[in-house]
């Protein structure tokens, strides 16, 4: 099979980690008889520097014409002083919107070889952790009305959190389907004791699940309690559904609990198989170009692409096995290094994973 993949390497460590993922995909193609064509496009700070905009029209057209999209990371202090609509992150929000990607699935998995890398006590993680956070992606406060004006002689600003029933139902559907394939328990996170938008969120999730998935158990957790429970007893959660801003924050917390943010991938999908696959970490400009970043999250994002957009489940499993094999042998990048393990660079880690694919 032949697949066209748009590559948005982006800023900071983005080019390094996407190079690692591309090397793994090329190896998968050799072993399983597929061909992948990679088409690079600009987005983020690099696009601002080259084109004056974080999301050039050529990039949008290229992504829409591809079979799927692989993203590195965007942003950095170089562009922090730009107006909000000109900053690199605007490109990320824009491409999600342009592709109609309303769901972001972020598995936070503790790999057995990395149990000691978790900041939590061993008794809290020894039975394993795998929290799948389903985050609504193109609604809520990140896309609501915003503005600034002078009130009583001083500058004030506001951002609006807003959700419709339709927006909540479509993300609830994805979360419910995931939960039905696993434990049939879904945790919905909101702030219904304070926010009107959360009250609609809670009501809609329960009504939708009851109507379409009567076998499913839906539990509600307030977002502040959820933040506490993730570090107190993370193993109690399986599939979690929540809003854009809450999902953004909680998925990073869950990632750190599992050992390193450098290990976790994510997929963003809408109503088609054209998805956006990326690591959940940022561009890490302080280590960019030093060949010390962890490429595993991006490699696992490429694996998710094979499974979720192309239906290549065997190839997905081959990459996961290769990652597990390399970790079991004690190889580590700097972020997951521990006593008795061997430190390797970003490019070396990718090479080891490529060699482990058979």
Protein backbone atom coordinates (compact mmCIF):
# COMPACT_ATOMS: atom_id res chain seq x y z
CA UNK A 1 0.00 0.00 0.00
CA UNK A 2 1.05 3.59 -0.66
CA UNK A 3 0.45 6.47 1.75
CA UNK A 4 1.14 10.20 1.52
CA UNK A 5 2.08 11.72 4.85
CA UNK A 6 2.32 15.46 5.47
CA UNK A 7 5.13 16.26 7.91
CA UNK A 8 4.96 19.40 10.04
CA UNK A 9 8.32 19.22 11.83
CA UNK A 10 7.81 22.64 13.38
CA UNK A 11 10.17 24.26 15.87
CA UNK A 12 12.70 23.38 18.55
CA UNK A 13 13.21 19.63 18.76
CA UNK A 14 10.46 19.04 16.21
CA UNK A 15 12.77 18.23 13.28
CA UNK A 16 14.84 15.79 15.38
CA UNK A 17 11.92 13.78 16.70
CA UNK A 18 10.04 13.66 13.40
CA UNK A 19 13.22 12.42 11.70
CA UNK A 20 13.22 9.51 14.16
CA UNK A 21 9.58 8.68 13.46
CA UNK A 22 10.14 8.85 9.70
CA UNK A 23 13.06 6.41 9.99
CA UNK A 24 10.80 3.96 11.84
CA UNK A 25 8.03 4.29 9.24
CA UNK A 26 10.50 3.66 6.43
CA UNK A 27 11.61 0.47 8.19
CA UNK A 28 7.98 -0.61 8.63
CA UNK A 29 7.46 -0.06 4.92
CA UNK A 30 10.44 -2.26 4.08
CA UNK A 31 9.33 -5.07 6.37
CA UNK A 32 5.61 -5.04 5.54
CA UNK A 33 5.63 -3.98 1.90
CA UNK A 34 4.29 -0.42 2.16
CA UNK A 35 5.58 2.81 0.67
CA UNK A 36 5.35 6.13 2.45
CA UNK A 37 5.92 9.46 0.76
CA UNK A 38 6.71 12.28 3.18
CA UNK A 39 5.79 15.85 2.25
CA UNK A 40 7.25 18.59 4.49
CA UNK A 41 5.30 21.78 5.18
CA UNK A 42 5.88 24.79 7.40
CA UNK A 43 3.85 25.52 10.52
CA UNK A 44 4.54 27.43 13.72
CA UNK A 45 7.52 29.67 14.34
CA UNK A 46 9.43 28.45 11.30
CA UNK A 47 6.44 29.42 9.14
CA UNK A 48 6.30 32.86 10.76
CA UNK A 49 9.97 33.39 9.94
CA UNK A 50 9.60 32.21 6.34
CA UNK A 51 6.09 33.34 5.43
CA UNK A 52 4.94 35.81 8.09
CA UNK A 53 2.11 33.55 9.25
CA UNK A 54 2.02 30.51 11.58
CA UNK A 55 -0.17 28.52 9.15
CA UNK A 56 0.43 29.16 5.44
CA UNK A 57 -2.35 28.26 3.01
CA UNK A 58 0.02 25.87 1.24
CA UNK A 59 0.33 23.90 4.48
CA UNK A 60 -3.44 23.61 4.89
CA UNK A 61 -3.87 22.47 1.29
CA UNK A 62 -1.03 19.97 1.61
CA UNK A 63 -2.43 18.45 4.79
CA UNK A 64 -5.93 18.17 3.32
CA UNK A 65 -4.48 16.36 0.29
CA UNK A 66 -2.52 13.87 2.40
CA UNK A 67 -3.59 10.56 3.91
CA UNK A 68 -2.53 11.76 7.36
CA UNK A 69 -0.33 14.29 9.14
CA UNK A 70 2.71 13.83 11.41
CA UNK A 71 3.54 16.80 13.65
CA UNK A 72 6.63 17.53 15.74
CA UNK A 73 6.16 20.58 17.97
CA UNK A 74 5.70 24.34 17.63
CA UNK A 75 6.59 27.45 19.57
CA UNK A 76 9.46 28.94 21.51
CA UNK A 77 10.53 32.12 23.32
CA UNK A 78 11.63 33.70 20.04
CA UNK A 79 7.98 34.32 19.17
CA UNK A 80 6.51 34.90 22.64
CA UNK A 81 6.13 38.66 22.19
CA UNK A 82 4.00 38.40 19.05
CA UNK A 83 0.26 39.15 19.19
CA UNK A 84 -1.93 36.15 20.00
CA UNK A 85 -3.17 35.67 16.44
CA UNK A 86 0.40 35.66 15.10
CA UNK A 87 2.02 33.24 17.54
CA UNK A 88 3.12 29.70 16.57
CA UNK A 89 0.40 28.03 18.64
CA UNK A 90 -2.21 29.72 16.46
CA UNK A 91 -1.00 27.49 13.64
CA UNK A 92 -1.67 24.38 15.68
CA UNK A 93 -5.17 25.50 16.58
CA UNK A 94 -5.76 26.48 12.97
CA UNK A 95 -4.72 23.18 11.43
CA UNK A 96 -6.93 21.25 13.84
CA UNK A 97 -9.84 23.47 12.85
CA UNK A 98 -9.07 23.23 9.12
CA UNK A 99 -8.97 19.44 9.25
CA UNK A 100 -12.10 19.20 11.39
CA UNK A 101 -10.28 17.34 14.16
CA UNK A 102 -12.55 17.60 17.16
CA UNK A 103 -11.24 14.71 19.25
CA UNK A 104 -7.80 14.30 20.78
CA UNK A 105 -6.97 10.89 22.24
CA UNK A 106 -4.04 10.88 24.66
CA UNK A 107 -3.09 7.54 26.19
CA UNK A 108 -1.00 7.95 29.36
CA UNK A 109 0.64 4.55 29.70
CA UNK A 110 3.25 3.50 32.24
CA UNK A 111 5.64 1.12 30.48
CA UNK A 112 6.72 -1.71 32.75
CA UNK A 113 10.41 -0.94 32.20
CA UNK A 114 9.86 2.63 33.41
CA UNK A 115 8.09 1.99 36.71
CA UNK A 116 11.00 3.57 38.57
CA UNK A 117 10.79 6.67 36.38
CA UNK A 118 7.39 7.59 37.78
CA UNK A 119 7.56 10.24 40.51
CA UNK A 120 4.90 8.34 42.46
CA UNK A 121 5.59 5.68 45.07
CA UNK A 122 6.01 2.21 43.61
CA UNK A 123 2.91 0.88 45.39
CA UNK A 124 0.80 3.38 43.43
CA UNK A 125 2.13 2.33 40.03
CA UNK A 126 3.26 -1.28 40.40
CA UNK A 127 0.03 -2.63 38.88
CA UNK A 128 0.40 -0.41 35.84
CA UNK A 129 -1.29 2.75 34.62
CA UNK A 130 -3.11 3.38 31.37
CA UNK A 131 -5.37 6.41 31.36
CA UNK A 132 -6.86 7.33 27.99
CA UNK A 133 -7.87 10.98 28.00
CA UNK A 134 -10.34 11.95 25.29
CA UNK A 135 -10.10 15.71 24.94
CA UNK A 136 -12.48 17.91 22.98
CA UNK A 137 -10.21 19.80 20.62
CA UNK A 138 -11.81 22.60 18.61
CA UNK A 139 -14.28 24.16 21.03
CA UNK A 140 -14.37 25.66 24.50
CA UNK A 141 -12.36 28.56 25.85
CA UNK A 142 -9.54 28.23 23.30
CA UNK A 143 -11.98 29.04 20.50
CA UNK A 144 -14.53 31.20 22.34
CA UNK A 145 -15.02 34.94 22.07
CA UNK A 146 -12.19 36.98 23.56
CA UNK A 147 -11.16 40.57 23.85
CA UNK A 148 -9.56 43.42 25.74
CA UNK A 149 -10.79 46.81 26.83
CA UNK A 150 -10.23 49.44 29.46
CA UNK A 151 -12.46 49.16 32.52
CA UNK A 152 -12.25 51.77 35.30
CA UNK A 153 -8.99 53.04 33.90
CA UNK A 154 -7.17 49.71 33.64
CA UNK A 155 -6.78 47.10 30.95
CA UNK A 156 -8.96 44.00 31.22
CA UNK A 157 -9.17 40.86 29.10
CA UNK A 158 -11.61 37.96 28.77
CA UNK A 159 -11.95 34.54 27.13
CA UNK A 160 -15.25 32.71 26.83
CA UNK A 161 -15.92 29.02 27.55
CA UNK A 162 -18.80 27.83 25.38
CA UNK A 163 -20.05 24.42 24.26
CA UNK A 164 -23.11 23.33 22.31
CA UNK A 165 -24.95 20.03 22.73
CA UNK A 166 -23.70 18.92 19.30
CA UNK A 167 -20.05 19.55 20.24
CA UNK A 168 -20.42 17.61 23.48
CA UNK A 169 -22.28 14.70 21.89
CA UNK A 170 -19.70 14.09 19.18
CA UNK A 171 -16.80 13.89 21.65
CA UNK A 172 -18.96 11.80 24.00
CA UNK A 173 -19.53 9.31 21.18
CA UNK A 174 -15.81 8.73 20.69
CA UNK A 175 -15.21 8.37 24.43
CA UNK A 176 -18.16 6.00 24.87
CA UNK A 177 -17.02 3.78 22.01
CA UNK A 178 -13.53 3.56 23.51
CA UNK A 179 -14.89 2.78 26.97
CA UNK A 180 -17.18 0.06 25.59
CA UNK A 181 -14.13 -1.69 24.11
CA UNK A 182 -12.34 -1.61 27.46
CA UNK A 183 -13.85 -1.57 30.97
CA UNK A 184 -17.26 -0.09 30.09
CA UNK A 185 -16.57 2.67 32.62
CA UNK A 186 -16.24 6.28 31.52
CA UNK A 187 -15.09 9.18 33.70
CA UNK A 188 -16.39 12.60 32.68
CA UNK A 189 -14.46 15.57 34.05
CA UNK A 190 -16.03 19.02 34.45
CA UNK A 191 -16.50 21.92 36.87
CA UNK A 192 -20.27 21.67 37.15
CA UNK A 193 -20.35 23.13 40.65
CA UNK A 194 -19.27 26.50 39.22
CA UNK A 195 -19.49 26.70 35.41
CA UNK A 196 -22.72 26.75 33.41
CA UNK A 197 -20.92 25.25 30.41
CA UNK A 198 -19.91 22.31 32.62
CA UNK A 199 -23.48 21.79 33.75
CA UNK A 200 -24.52 21.42 30.12
CA UNK A 201 -21.50 19.16 29.54
CA UNK A 202 -22.48 16.83 32.42
CA UNK A 203 -26.15 16.70 31.43
CA UNK A 204 -25.37 16.00 27.77
CA UNK A 205 -22.76 13.30 28.42
CA UNK A 206 -25.14 11.40 30.71
CA UNK A 207 -28.12 11.69 28.37
CA UNK A 208 -26.08 10.64 25.33
CA UNK A 209 -24.50 7.66 27.08
CA UNK A 210 -27.82 6.49 28.54
CA UNK A 211 -29.50 6.64 25.13
CA UNK A 212 -26.78 5.08 22.99
CA UNK A 213 -24.64 3.04 25.41
CA UNK A 214 -26.92 1.81 28.24
CA UNK A 215 -24.32 -0.76 29.37
CA UNK A 216 -21.84 2.00 30.11
CA UNK A 217 -21.23 3.41 33.59
CA UNK A 218 -20.51 7.15 33.60
CA UNK A 219 -18.81 8.70 36.63
CA UNK A 220 -18.44 12.45 37.15
CA UNK A 221 -15.32 13.99 38.69
CA UNK A 222 -14.70 17.70 39.24
CA UNK A 223 -11.52 18.84 37.53
CA UNK A 224 -9.74 19.93 40.73
CA UNK A 225 -10.46 16.55 42.33
CA UNK A 226 -9.34 14.81 39.15
CA UNK A 227 -5.98 16.61 39.31
CA UNK A 228 -5.59 15.35 42.87
CA UNK A 229 -6.69 11.78 42.11
CA UNK A 230 -4.22 11.41 39.22
CA UNK A 231 -1.34 11.72 41.69
CA UNK A 232 -3.14 9.92 44.52
CA UNK A 233 -4.52 6.85 42.74
CA UNK A 234 -4.09 7.01 38.94
CA UNK A 235 -4.81 3.31 38.37
CA UNK A 236 -8.50 3.86 39.19
CA UNK A 237 -9.11 5.57 35.83
CA UNK A 238 -9.45 4.10 32.36
CA UNK A 239 -11.19 6.27 29.72
CA UNK A 240 -11.66 9.93 30.62
CA UNK A 241 -13.57 12.51 28.58
CA UNK A 242 -13.27 16.23 29.16
CA UNK A 243 -13.22 19.69 27.62
CA UNK A 244 -10.44 21.35 25.68
CA UNK A 245 -8.75 23.28 28.47
CA UNK A 246 -9.20 20.63 31.17
CA UNK A 247 -7.92 17.93 28.83
CA UNK A 248 -4.90 20.02 27.91
CA UNK A 249 -3.87 20.33 31.55
CA UNK A 250 -4.81 16.87 32.85
CA UNK A 251 -3.15 14.99 30.00
CA UNK A 252 0.19 16.64 30.79
CA UNK A 253 -0.20 15.74 34.46
CA UNK A 254 -1.07 12.14 33.61
CA UNK A 255 1.92 12.02 31.29
CA UNK A 256 4.34 13.01 34.02
CA UNK A 257 2.86 10.44 36.40
CA UNK A 258 3.71 7.73 33.88
CA UNK A 259 7.41 8.64 33.92
CA UNK A 260 8.05 11.16 31.18
CA UNK A 261 6.13 13.45 28.90
CA UNK A 262 8.59 12.34 26.22
CA UNK A 263 6.96 8.90 26.07
CA UNK A 264 3.39 9.81 25.20
CA UNK A 265 1.75 10.23 21.82
CA UNK A 266 -1.64 11.54 20.77
CA UNK A 267 -4.02 11.31 17.85
CA UNK A 268 -6.51 13.91 16.67
CA UNK A 269 -9.40 12.73 14.52
CA UNK A 270 -12.70 13.94 13.17
CA UNK A 271 -15.24 12.23 10.94
CA UNK A 272 -12.68 10.83 8.46
CA UNK A 273 -9.44 8.81 8.66
CA UNK A 274 -7.34 11.93 7.99
CA UNK A 275 -5.75 12.52 11.39
CA UNK A 276 -3.05 14.58 13.04
CA UNK A 277 -0.52 12.60 15.08
CA UNK A 278 1.91 14.21 17.49
CA UNK A 279 3.75 13.88 20.80
CA UNK A 280 2.03 15.70 23.64
CA UNK A 281 5.18 17.53 24.74
CA UNK A 282 6.35 20.93 23.52
CA UNK A 283 9.21 22.13 21.36
CA UNK A 284 11.81 22.18 24.21
CA UNK A 285 13.92 24.95 22.62
CA UNK A 286 16.51 24.67 25.40
CA UNK A 287 17.65 21.29 24.08
CA UNK A 288 16.93 21.81 20.38
CA UNK A 289 19.77 20.73 18.10
CA UNK A 290 21.61 18.87 20.86
CA UNK A 291 20.39 15.37 19.87
CA UNK A 292 19.22 14.64 23.42
CA UNK A 293 15.41 14.73 23.02
CA UNK A 294 13.29 11.61 23.47
CA UNK A 295 11.82 10.57 20.08
CA UNK A 296 9.66 7.76 21.46
CA UNK A 297 6.46 9.79 21.80
CA UNK A 298 6.67 10.83 18.16
CA UNK A 299 7.51 7.29 17.08
CA UNK A 300 4.47 6.02 18.98
CA UNK A 301 2.39 8.78 17.35
CA UNK A 302 3.47 7.41 13.97
CA UNK A 303 2.41 3.95 15.17
CA UNK A 304 -1.02 5.31 16.11
CA UNK A 305 -1.27 6.73 12.60
CA UNK A 306 -0.69 3.28 11.14
CA UNK A 307 -3.43 1.80 13.31
CA UNK A 308 -6.06 4.54 13.45
CA UNK A 309 -5.80 6.14 9.99
CA UNK A 310 -4.48 3.28 7.85
CA UNK A 311 -5.86 0.24 9.66
CA UNK A 312 -2.39 -1.35 9.94
CA UNK A 313 -2.76 -2.99 13.34
CA UNK A 314 0.06 -5.49 12.91
CA UNK A 315 2.49 -2.73 11.96
CA UNK A 316 1.35 -0.67 14.97
CA UNK A 317 2.02 -3.63 17.25
CA UNK A 318 5.46 -4.14 15.71
CA UNK A 319 6.51 -0.63 16.68
CA UNK A 320 5.19 -1.03 20.23
CA UNK A 321 7.10 -4.31 20.57
CA UNK A 322 10.26 -2.65 19.30
CA UNK A 323 9.96 0.19 21.80
CA UNK A 324 9.37 -2.28 24.62
CA UNK A 325 12.36 -4.37 23.55
CA UNK A 326 14.70 -1.37 23.50
CA UNK A 327 13.51 -0.21 26.91
CA UNK A 328 13.85 -3.72 28.31
CA UNK A 329 17.48 -3.73 27.22
CA UNK A 330 18.07 -0.66 29.38
CA UNK A 331 18.53 2.03 26.75
CA UNK A 332 17.31 5.47 27.82
CA UNK A 333 17.33 9.06 26.64
CA UNK A 334 18.23 11.67 29.26
CA UNK A 335 14.65 12.32 30.41
CA UNK A 336 14.08 8.69 31.48
CA UNK A 337 17.62 7.80 32.56
CA UNK A 338 17.94 5.91 35.83
CA UNK A 339 20.61 4.00 37.70
CA UNK A 340 21.79 0.93 35.82
CA UNK A 341 20.53 2.09 32.40
CA UNK A 342 22.47 3.23 29.36
CA UNK A 343 22.13 6.78 28.06
CA UNK A 344 21.61 7.22 24.32
CA UNK A 345 20.94 10.21 22.09
CA UNK A 346 17.75 11.05 20.23
CA UNK A 347 19.05 9.67 16.95
CA UNK A 348 20.54 6.57 18.62
CA UNK A 349 17.21 5.75 20.29
CA UNK A 350 15.45 5.95 16.92
CA UNK A 351 18.13 3.73 15.35
CA UNK A 352 17.75 1.14 18.11
CA UNK A 353 13.98 1.00 17.59
CA UNK A 354 14.45 0.66 13.82
CA UNK A 355 16.86 -2.25 14.40
CA UNK A 356 14.35 -3.92 16.75
CA UNK A 357 11.63 -4.04 14.09
CA UNK A 358 11.63 -7.37 12.29
